[in-house]
Amino acid sequence: MAKEADEEPTGDDLEAVTAAVLTASRVLVAISARSLAAAEDRVTLPQFRMLLVVGQGETKLVTLADRLGVNPSTAMRMAGRLAVAGLLKREVNPQNRRETLLRLTDNGRRIVEEVTARRKEEIAAILTRMPASQRQALITAMREFNDAAGEPPARIAFPLGWPGPSA
């Protein structure tokens, strides 16, 4: 049974919902890219993702690799580059000398804060153009979407971040 051209899709219309989320994802990717542009001379997108995860708190290298979906040797190389750039600090875990612990330096934290602030500003500008009732509906919808995806609630410092809970 075909839909009328002027008929509004419902939440049961999986194709319409999928198309709406795909469109929103393009907007968010564009915002992410623009927010990272000023830091591009210092970090790449994968490196920034690493900084976000480590920014949640001291992190084990193996846990970091798992969260980023890379093997530990790749994470070790990325962490090494960020350490040389002065953005990450690597230390041997005093409780288990076979583990490497990572944390942000002040410069690494500054980059995360700058990029995140740009993202937050741009998203807020878009949201102010929406009616308040629609913003409330968006909060509910995004929480449900994130829950369905298994994504833990974002801390306010990381509104678009990838990190999960601290290791």
N, C-alpha and C. Protein backbone atom coordinates (compact mmCIF):
# COMPACT_ATOMS: atom_id res chain seq x y z
N MET A 1 0.84 -1.17 0.00
CA MET A 1 0.00 0.00 0.00
C MET A 1 0.88 1.24 0.00
N ALA A 2 0.82 2.07 -1.01
CA ALA A 2 1.68 3.24 -1.16
C ALA A 2 1.20 4.38 -0.28
N LYS A 3 2.13 5.16 0.23
CA LYS A 3 1.79 6.32 1.05
C LYS A 3 1.43 7.48 0.14
N GLU A 4 0.52 8.30 0.64
CA GLU A 4 0.20 9.54 -0.08
C GLU A 4 1.41 10.46 0.01
N ALA A 5 1.64 11.27 -1.01
CA ALA A 5 2.81 12.15 -1.05
C ALA A 5 2.83 13.14 0.11
N ASP A 6 1.63 13.60 0.56
CA ASP A 6 1.59 14.60 1.62
C ASP A 6 1.44 13.98 3.01
N GLU A 7 1.43 12.65 3.09
CA GLU A 7 1.27 11.97 4.37
C GLU A 7 2.59 12.00 5.14
N GLU A 8 2.52 12.43 6.39
CA GLU A 8 3.71 12.51 7.26
C GLU A 8 4.10 11.10 7.69
N PRO A 9 5.39 10.73 7.56
CA PRO A 9 5.81 9.39 8.02
C PRO A 9 5.66 9.28 9.53
N THR A 10 5.44 8.08 10.01
CA THR A 10 5.31 7.84 11.44
C THR A 10 6.59 7.17 11.94
N GLY A 11 6.68 7.05 13.26
CA GLY A 11 7.83 6.37 13.86
C GLY A 11 7.92 4.91 13.49
N ASP A 12 6.80 4.35 13.02
CA ASP A 12 6.79 2.95 12.59
C ASP A 12 7.39 2.78 11.20
N ASP A 13 7.60 3.87 10.49
CA ASP A 13 8.15 3.82 9.14
C ASP A 13 9.68 3.77 9.26
N LEU A 14 10.22 2.55 9.34
CA LEU A 14 11.65 2.37 9.57
C LEU A 14 12.49 3.06 8.50
N GLU A 15 12.06 3.04 7.27
CA GLU A 15 12.81 3.69 6.20
C GLU A 15 12.89 5.21 6.41
N ALA A 16 11.77 5.81 6.81
CA ALA A 16 11.76 7.25 7.05
C ALA A 16 12.63 7.62 8.25
N VAL A 17 12.55 6.83 9.31
CA VAL A 17 13.36 7.10 10.49
C VAL A 17 14.84 6.93 10.16
N THR A 18 15.17 5.88 9.43
CA THR A 18 16.56 5.64 9.03
C THR A 18 17.08 6.80 8.18
N ALA A 19 16.29 7.27 7.24
CA ALA A 19 16.69 8.40 6.40
C ALA A 19 16.91 9.66 7.24
N ALA A 20 16.05 9.90 8.22
CA ALA A 20 16.20 11.07 9.08
C ALA A 20 17.48 10.99 9.92
N VAL A 21 17.78 9.80 10.45
CA VAL A 21 18.98 9.64 11.25
C VAL A 21 20.23 9.76 10.37
N LEU A 22 20.18 9.20 9.17
CA LEU A 22 21.33 9.34 8.25
C LEU A 22 21.59 10.81 7.92
N THR A 23 20.53 11.56 7.70
CA THR A 23 20.68 13.00 7.42
C THR A 23 21.30 13.70 8.62
N ALA A 24 20.78 13.41 9.81
CA ALA A 24 21.33 14.01 11.03
C ALA A 24 22.79 13.62 11.22
N SER A 25 23.14 12.38 10.87
CA SER A 25 24.54 11.96 11.02
C SER A 25 25.45 12.75 10.09
N ARG A 26 24.97 13.09 8.90
CA ARG A 26 25.77 13.93 7.99
C ARG A 26 26.01 15.30 8.62
N VAL A 27 24.98 15.86 9.24
CA VAL A 27 25.12 17.16 9.91
C VAL A 27 26.16 17.06 11.03
N LEU A 28 26.05 16.03 11.85
CA LEU A 28 26.97 15.88 12.97
C LEU A 28 28.41 15.60 12.52
N VAL A 29 28.57 14.84 11.46
CA VAL A 29 29.91 14.60 10.93
C VAL A 29 30.51 15.91 10.41
N ALA A 30 29.69 16.71 9.73
CA ALA A 30 30.18 18.00 9.23
C ALA A 30 30.59 18.91 10.39
N ILE A 31 29.78 18.94 11.45
CA ILE A 31 30.12 19.74 12.63
C ILE A 31 31.42 19.23 13.23
N SER A 32 31.57 17.92 13.34
CA SER A 32 32.79 17.34 13.89
C SER A 32 34.00 17.73 13.06
N ALA A 33 33.87 17.64 11.76
CA ALA A 33 34.98 17.97 10.88
C ALA A 33 35.36 19.44 11.01
N ARG A 34 34.37 20.32 11.03
CA ARG A 34 34.66 21.76 11.17
C ARG A 34 35.29 22.06 12.52
N SER A 35 34.82 21.41 13.57
CA SER A 35 35.35 21.70 14.90
C SER A 35 36.80 21.23 15.04
N LEU A 36 37.14 20.19 14.32
CA LEU A 36 38.50 19.65 14.38
C LEU A 36 39.46 20.40 13.46
N ALA A 37 38.92 21.16 12.52
CA ALA A 37 39.76 21.82 11.51
C ALA A 37 40.83 22.70 12.14
N ALA A 38 40.51 23.42 13.19
CA ALA A 38 41.50 24.30 13.82
C ALA A 38 42.61 23.52 14.50
N ALA A 39 42.33 22.29 14.89
CA ALA A 39 43.35 21.47 15.55
C ALA A 39 44.03 20.51 14.58
N GLU A 40 43.64 20.57 13.30
CA GLU A 40 44.15 19.61 12.32
C GLU A 40 45.66 19.63 12.16
N ASP A 41 46.27 20.77 12.39
CA ASP A 41 47.72 20.80 12.27
C ASP A 41 48.39 20.08 13.44
N ARG A 42 47.60 19.78 14.49
CA ARG A 42 48.15 19.11 15.66
C ARG A 42 47.72 17.66 15.79
N VAL A 43 46.47 17.33 15.39
CA VAL A 43 45.98 15.95 15.52
C VAL A 43 45.05 15.59 14.36
N THR A 44 45.04 14.31 14.05
CA THR A 44 44.11 13.77 13.06
C THR A 44 42.83 13.35 13.77
N LEU A 45 41.80 13.01 13.03
CA LEU A 45 40.55 12.55 13.64
C LEU A 45 40.77 11.30 14.50
N PRO A 46 41.48 10.27 14.00
CA PRO A 46 41.72 9.11 14.88
C PRO A 46 42.50 9.47 16.15
N GLN A 47 43.45 10.37 16.04
CA GLN A 47 44.19 10.80 17.22
C GLN A 47 43.28 11.56 18.18
N PHE A 48 42.39 12.37 17.64
CA PHE A 48 41.47 13.10 18.49
C PHE A 48 40.54 12.13 19.23
N ARG A 49 40.09 11.11 18.52
CA ARG A 49 39.25 10.09 19.18
C ARG A 49 40.01 9.48 20.35
N MET A 50 41.29 9.22 20.16
CA MET A 50 42.11 8.66 21.23
C MET A 50 42.17 9.63 22.40
N LEU A 51 42.38 10.90 22.11
CA LEU A 51 42.44 11.90 23.17
C LEU A 51 41.11 11.95 23.94
N LEU A 52 40.00 11.83 23.23
CA LEU A 52 38.69 11.83 23.90
C LEU A 52 38.57 10.68 24.88
N VAL A 53 38.96 9.50 24.45
CA VAL A 53 38.85 8.32 25.32
C VAL A 53 39.76 8.50 26.54
N VAL A 54 40.99 8.88 26.31
CA VAL A 54 41.95 9.05 27.41
C VAL A 54 41.50 10.19 28.31
N GLY A 55 40.83 11.18 27.75
CA GLY A 55 40.35 12.31 28.53
C GLY A 55 39.32 11.95 29.58
N GLN A 56 38.74 10.77 29.48
CA GLN A 56 37.78 10.31 30.49
C GLN A 56 38.48 9.91 31.78
N GLY A 57 39.76 9.72 31.74
CA GLY A 57 40.52 9.33 32.93
C GLY A 57 41.65 8.41 32.52
N GLU A 58 42.57 8.21 33.42
CA GLU A 58 43.70 7.32 33.15
C GLU A 58 43.19 6.01 32.55
N THR A 59 43.79 5.59 31.44
CA THR A 59 43.29 4.46 30.67
C THR A 59 44.41 3.47 30.37
N LYS A 60 44.09 2.20 30.46
CA LYS A 60 45.04 1.16 30.07
C LYS A 60 45.11 1.11 28.55
N LEU A 61 46.28 0.86 28.02
CA LEU A 61 46.47 0.79 26.58
C LEU A 61 45.54 -0.25 25.95
N VAL A 62 45.41 -1.41 26.56
CA VAL A 62 44.58 -2.48 26.00
C VAL A 62 43.11 -2.06 25.97
N THR A 63 42.67 -1.40 27.02
CA THR A 63 41.29 -0.90 27.08
C THR A 63 41.07 0.15 26.00
N LEU A 64 42.02 1.02 25.83
CA LEU A 64 41.95 2.05 24.80
C LEU A 64 41.83 1.43 23.41
N ALA A 65 42.65 0.46 23.12
CA ALA A 65 42.61 -0.22 21.82
C ALA A 65 41.22 -0.82 21.59
N ASP A 66 40.68 -1.45 22.62
CA ASP A 66 39.36 -2.05 22.51
C ASP A 66 38.29 -1.00 22.21
N ARG A 67 38.32 0.09 22.92
CA ARG A 67 37.32 1.16 22.72
C ARG A 67 37.43 1.79 21.33
N LEU A 68 38.63 1.87 20.81
CA LEU A 68 38.83 2.46 19.49
C LEU A 68 38.64 1.45 18.36
N GLY A 69 38.55 0.18 18.72
CA GLY A 69 38.37 -0.86 17.70
C GLY A 69 39.63 -1.11 16.88
N VAL A 70 40.79 -0.96 17.53
CA VAL A 70 42.07 -1.22 16.85
C VAL A 70 42.85 -2.24 17.68
N ASN A 71 43.88 -2.80 17.07
CA ASN A 71 44.68 -3.75 17.85
C ASN A 71 45.65 -2.98 18.76
N PRO A 72 46.11 -3.60 19.83
CA PRO A 72 46.97 -2.90 20.78
C PRO A 72 48.23 -2.29 20.16
N SER A 73 48.80 -2.95 19.16
CA SER A 73 50.02 -2.39 18.57
C SER A 73 49.71 -1.08 17.82
N THR A 74 48.56 -1.00 17.19
CA THR A 74 48.15 0.24 16.53
C THR A 74 47.93 1.34 17.57
N ALA A 75 47.25 0.99 18.65
CA ALA A 75 47.02 1.96 19.73
C ALA A 75 48.34 2.42 20.32
N MET A 76 49.29 1.51 20.47
CA MET A 76 50.61 1.86 21.02
C MET A 76 51.32 2.85 20.10
N ARG A 77 51.27 2.62 18.79
CA ARG A 77 51.91 3.55 17.85
C ARG A 77 51.24 4.93 17.90
N MET A 78 49.89 4.94 17.90
CA MET A 78 49.17 6.21 17.97
C MET A 78 49.51 6.95 19.26
N ALA A 79 49.50 6.22 20.38
CA ALA A 79 49.83 6.83 21.67
C ALA A 79 51.26 7.36 21.66
N GLY A 80 52.16 6.64 21.03
CA GLY A 80 53.54 7.09 20.94
C GLY A 80 53.66 8.42 20.21
N ARG A 81 52.94 8.55 19.10
CA ARG A 81 52.97 9.82 18.35
C ARG A 81 52.41 10.96 19.19
N LEU A 82 51.31 10.68 19.90
CA LEU A 82 50.70 11.72 20.73
C LEU A 82 51.59 12.07 21.93
N ALA A 83 52.33 11.09 22.43
CA ALA A 83 53.26 11.36 23.53
C ALA A 83 54.41 12.24 23.05
N VAL A 84 54.93 11.93 21.87
CA VAL A 84 56.02 12.73 21.30
C VAL A 84 55.55 14.17 21.05
N ALA A 85 54.26 14.32 20.67
CA ALA A 85 53.69 15.65 20.42
C ALA A 85 53.35 16.37 21.72
N GLY A 86 53.52 15.69 22.85
CA GLY A 86 53.26 16.32 24.14
C GLY A 86 51.79 16.36 24.52
N LEU A 87 50.98 15.48 23.94
CA LEU A 87 49.54 15.49 24.21
C LEU A 87 49.09 14.36 25.14
N LEU A 88 49.91 13.31 25.21
CA LEU A 88 49.62 12.16 26.06
C LEU A 88 50.83 11.85 26.91
N LYS A 89 50.56 11.29 28.07
CA LYS A 89 51.66 10.80 28.92
C LYS A 89 51.47 9.30 29.08
N ARG A 90 52.54 8.54 28.82
CA ARG A 90 52.51 7.08 28.99
C ARG A 90 53.32 6.72 30.22
N GLU A 91 52.76 5.80 31.03
CA GLU A 91 53.47 5.34 32.22
C GLU A 91 53.24 3.85 32.39
N VAL A 92 54.19 3.19 32.99
CA VAL A 92 54.02 1.79 33.35
C VAL A 92 53.11 1.74 34.57
N ASN A 93 52.14 0.84 34.54
CA ASN A 93 51.23 0.66 35.66
C ASN A 93 52.01 0.11 36.85
N PRO A 94 52.04 0.84 37.98
CA PRO A 94 52.82 0.35 39.12
C PRO A 94 52.24 -0.94 39.73
N GLN A 95 50.95 -1.21 39.51
CA GLN A 95 50.34 -2.44 40.02
C GLN A 95 50.57 -3.64 39.10
N ASN A 96 50.83 -3.36 37.82
CA ASN A 96 51.07 -4.44 36.85
C ASN A 96 52.04 -3.90 35.80
N ARG A 97 53.29 -4.20 35.94
CA ARG A 97 54.34 -3.61 35.10
C ARG A 97 54.22 -3.97 33.63
N ARG A 98 53.36 -4.93 33.30
CA ARG A 98 53.16 -5.29 31.88
C ARG A 98 52.16 -4.36 31.20
N GLU A 99 51.48 -3.51 31.98
CA GLU A 99 50.45 -2.62 31.43
C GLU A 99 50.98 -1.19 31.29
N THR A 100 50.51 -0.54 30.24
CA THR A 100 50.82 0.87 30.04
C THR A 100 49.58 1.69 30.35
N LEU A 101 49.73 2.72 31.15
CA LEU A 101 48.64 3.63 31.48
C LEU A 101 48.85 4.94 30.70
N LEU A 102 47.75 5.50 30.23
CA LEU A 102 47.81 6.73 29.45
C LEU A 102 46.93 7.79 30.10
N ARG A 103 47.39 9.03 30.02
CA ARG A 103 46.55 10.15 30.44
C ARG A 103 46.93 11.37 29.63
N LEU A 104 46.01 12.33 29.59
CA LEU A 104 46.25 13.54 28.82
C LEU A 104 47.23 14.45 29.54
N THR A 105 48.01 15.16 28.75
CA THR A 105 48.81 16.26 29.29
C THR A 105 47.91 17.49 29.27
N ASP A 106 48.40 18.58 29.81
CA ASP A 106 47.62 19.83 29.78
C ASP A 106 47.33 20.25 28.34
N ASN A 107 48.33 20.08 27.44
CA ASN A 107 48.11 20.44 26.03
C ASN A 107 47.08 19.53 25.38
N GLY A 108 47.10 18.25 25.70
CA GLY A 108 46.11 17.32 25.16
C GLY A 108 44.71 17.68 25.64
N ARG A 109 44.59 17.99 26.90
CA ARG A 109 43.29 18.39 27.47
C ARG A 109 42.80 19.68 26.81
N ARG A 110 43.70 20.60 26.55
CA ARG A 110 43.34 21.87 25.93
C ARG A 110 42.76 21.65 24.53
N ILE A 111 43.37 20.76 23.75
CA ILE A 111 42.85 20.46 22.41
C ILE A 111 41.45 19.87 22.51
N VAL A 112 41.26 18.91 23.40
CA VAL A 112 39.94 18.29 23.57
C VAL A 112 38.91 19.35 23.95
N GLU A 113 39.26 20.22 24.87
CA GLU A 113 38.33 21.26 25.32
C GLU A 113 38.00 22.24 24.20
N GLU A 114 39.00 22.65 23.41
CA GLU A 114 38.77 23.60 22.31
C GLU A 114 37.84 23.01 21.26
N VAL A 115 38.14 21.79 20.83
CA VAL A 115 37.34 21.15 19.79
C VAL A 115 35.92 20.90 20.29
N THR A 116 35.81 20.42 21.51
CA THR A 116 34.49 20.14 22.09
C THR A 116 33.68 21.43 22.23
N ALA A 117 34.32 22.51 22.62
CA ALA A 117 33.61 23.80 22.76
C ALA A 117 33.07 24.25 21.41
N ARG A 118 33.87 24.10 20.35
CA ARG A 118 33.40 24.47 19.00
C ARG A 118 32.18 23.63 18.60
N ARG A 119 32.24 22.33 18.86
CA ARG A 119 31.11 21.44 18.54
C ARG A 119 29.87 21.87 19.31
N LYS A 120 30.05 22.11 20.58
CA LYS A 120 28.92 22.49 21.43
C LYS A 120 28.28 23.79 20.93
N GLU A 121 29.09 24.77 20.59
CA GLU A 121 28.56 26.05 20.08
C GLU A 121 27.76 25.86 18.80
N GLU A 122 28.30 25.09 17.88
CA GLU A 122 27.62 24.91 16.60
C GLU A 122 26.32 24.12 16.76
N ILE A 123 26.35 23.10 17.61
CA ILE A 123 25.13 22.32 17.86
C ILE A 123 24.08 23.20 18.56
N ALA A 124 24.52 23.99 19.53
CA ALA A 124 23.59 24.87 20.25
C ALA A 124 22.95 25.88 19.28
N ALA A 125 23.73 26.39 18.33
CA ALA A 125 23.19 27.33 17.36
C ALA A 125 22.08 26.69 16.53
N ILE A 126 22.28 25.43 16.15
CA ILE A 126 21.24 24.71 15.39
C ILE A 126 20.02 24.48 16.27
N LEU A 127 20.25 24.06 17.50
CA LEU A 127 19.14 23.75 18.41
C LEU A 127 18.29 24.97 18.74
N THR A 128 18.91 26.15 18.79
CA THR A 128 18.13 27.36 19.08
C THR A 128 17.15 27.68 17.96
N ARG A 129 17.35 27.13 16.78
CA ARG A 129 16.42 27.35 15.67
C ARG A 129 15.25 26.37 15.69
N MET A 130 15.25 25.46 16.66
CA MET A 130 14.15 24.50 16.82
C MET A 130 13.21 24.98 17.92
N PRO A 131 11.90 24.70 17.79
CA PRO A 131 10.99 25.03 18.89
C PRO A 131 11.36 24.22 20.14
N ALA A 132 11.13 24.81 21.32
CA ALA A 132 11.48 24.15 22.59
C ALA A 132 10.83 22.78 22.71
N SER A 133 9.60 22.63 22.26
CA SER A 133 8.93 21.33 22.37
C SER A 133 9.64 20.27 21.52
N GLN A 134 10.17 20.67 20.39
CA GLN A 134 10.91 19.73 19.54
C GLN A 134 12.27 19.39 20.14
N ARG A 135 12.88 20.35 20.83
CA ARG A 135 14.15 20.06 21.51
C ARG A 135 13.92 19.03 22.61
N GLN A 136 12.82 19.16 23.34
CA GLN A 136 12.51 18.18 24.39
C GLN A 136 12.29 16.80 23.77
N ALA A 137 11.57 16.75 22.67
CA ALA A 137 11.35 15.47 21.98
C ALA A 137 12.68 14.89 21.49
N LEU A 138 13.58 15.76 21.05
CA LEU A 138 14.89 15.31 20.58
C LEU A 138 15.70 14.70 21.72
N ILE A 139 15.63 15.30 22.90
CA ILE A 139 16.33 14.73 24.07
C ILE A 139 15.87 13.30 24.30
N THR A 140 14.58 13.12 24.33
CA THR A 140 14.01 11.79 24.57
C THR A 140 14.43 10.82 23.47
N ALA A 141 14.29 11.25 22.22
CA ALA A 141 14.63 10.37 21.09
C ALA A 141 16.11 10.01 21.09
N MET A 142 16.98 10.98 21.35
CA MET A 142 18.42 10.70 21.32
C MET A 142 18.82 9.80 22.48
N ARG A 143 18.21 9.98 23.64
CA ARG A 143 18.52 9.07 24.76
C ARG A 143 18.12 7.64 24.41
N GLU A 144 16.95 7.47 23.82
CA GLU A 144 16.51 6.14 23.43
C GLU A 144 17.43 5.56 22.35
N PHE A 145 17.82 6.38 21.39
CA PHE A 145 18.72 5.94 20.32
C PHE A 145 20.06 5.49 20.91
N ASN A 146 20.61 6.31 21.81
CA ASN A 146 21.90 5.98 22.44
C ASN A 146 21.79 4.72 23.27
N ASP A 147 20.68 4.57 24.01
CA ASP A 147 20.47 3.35 24.79
C ASP A 147 20.43 2.13 23.88
N ALA A 148 19.69 2.24 22.78
CA ALA A 148 19.57 1.11 21.85
C ALA A 148 20.93 0.75 21.25
N ALA A 149 21.80 1.75 21.09
CA ALA A 149 23.13 1.53 20.53
C ALA A 149 24.12 1.04 21.59
N GLY A 150 23.71 1.09 22.87
CA GLY A 150 24.62 0.69 23.94
C GLY A 150 25.62 1.76 24.30
N GLU A 151 25.35 2.99 23.93
CA GLU A 151 26.27 4.10 24.21
C GLU A 151 25.94 4.69 25.58
N PRO A 152 26.91 4.75 26.48
CA PRO A 152 26.64 5.34 27.80
C PRO A 152 26.36 6.84 27.66
N PRO A 153 25.64 7.40 28.60
CA PRO A 153 25.36 8.84 28.54
C PRO A 153 26.66 9.65 28.49
N ALA A 154 26.66 10.67 27.66
CA ALA A 154 27.85 11.52 27.53
C ALA A 154 27.94 12.46 28.72
N ARG A 155 29.14 12.65 29.19
CA ARG A 155 29.37 13.70 30.18
C ARG A 155 29.29 15.01 29.43
N ILE A 156 28.92 16.05 30.10
CA ILE A 156 28.76 17.34 29.43
C ILE A 156 30.05 17.78 28.74
N ALA A 157 31.19 17.38 29.26
CA ALA A 157 32.47 17.78 28.66
C ALA A 157 32.69 17.11 27.31
N PHE A 158 31.93 16.02 27.01
CA PHE A 158 32.11 15.30 25.76
C PHE A 158 30.77 15.09 25.06
N PRO A 159 30.09 16.16 24.61
CA PRO A 159 28.75 16.00 24.06
C PRO A 159 28.70 15.16 22.79
N LEU A 160 29.77 15.08 22.06
CA LEU A 160 29.77 14.26 20.86
C LEU A 160 30.90 13.23 20.91
N GLY A 161 31.41 13.00 22.06
CA GLY A 161 32.57 12.13 22.21
C GLY A 161 32.24 10.68 22.03
N TRP A 162 33.28 9.90 21.79
CA TRP A 162 33.15 8.47 21.62
C TRP A 162 33.41 7.70 22.91
N PRO A 163 34.03 8.33 23.91
CA PRO A 163 34.48 7.51 25.03
C PRO A 163 33.36 6.91 25.85
N GLY A 164 33.67 5.77 26.42
CA GLY A 164 32.77 5.12 27.35
C GLY A 164 33.25 5.40 28.76
N PRO A 165 32.83 4.59 29.71
CA PRO A 165 33.26 4.81 31.09
C PRO A 165 34.75 4.61 31.25
N SER A 166 35.31 5.20 32.26
CA SER A 166 36.76 5.10 32.51
C SER A 166 37.16 3.68 32.80
N ALA A 167 38.39 3.36 32.41
CA ALA A 167 38.93 2.02 32.66
C ALA A 167 39.40 1.91 34.09
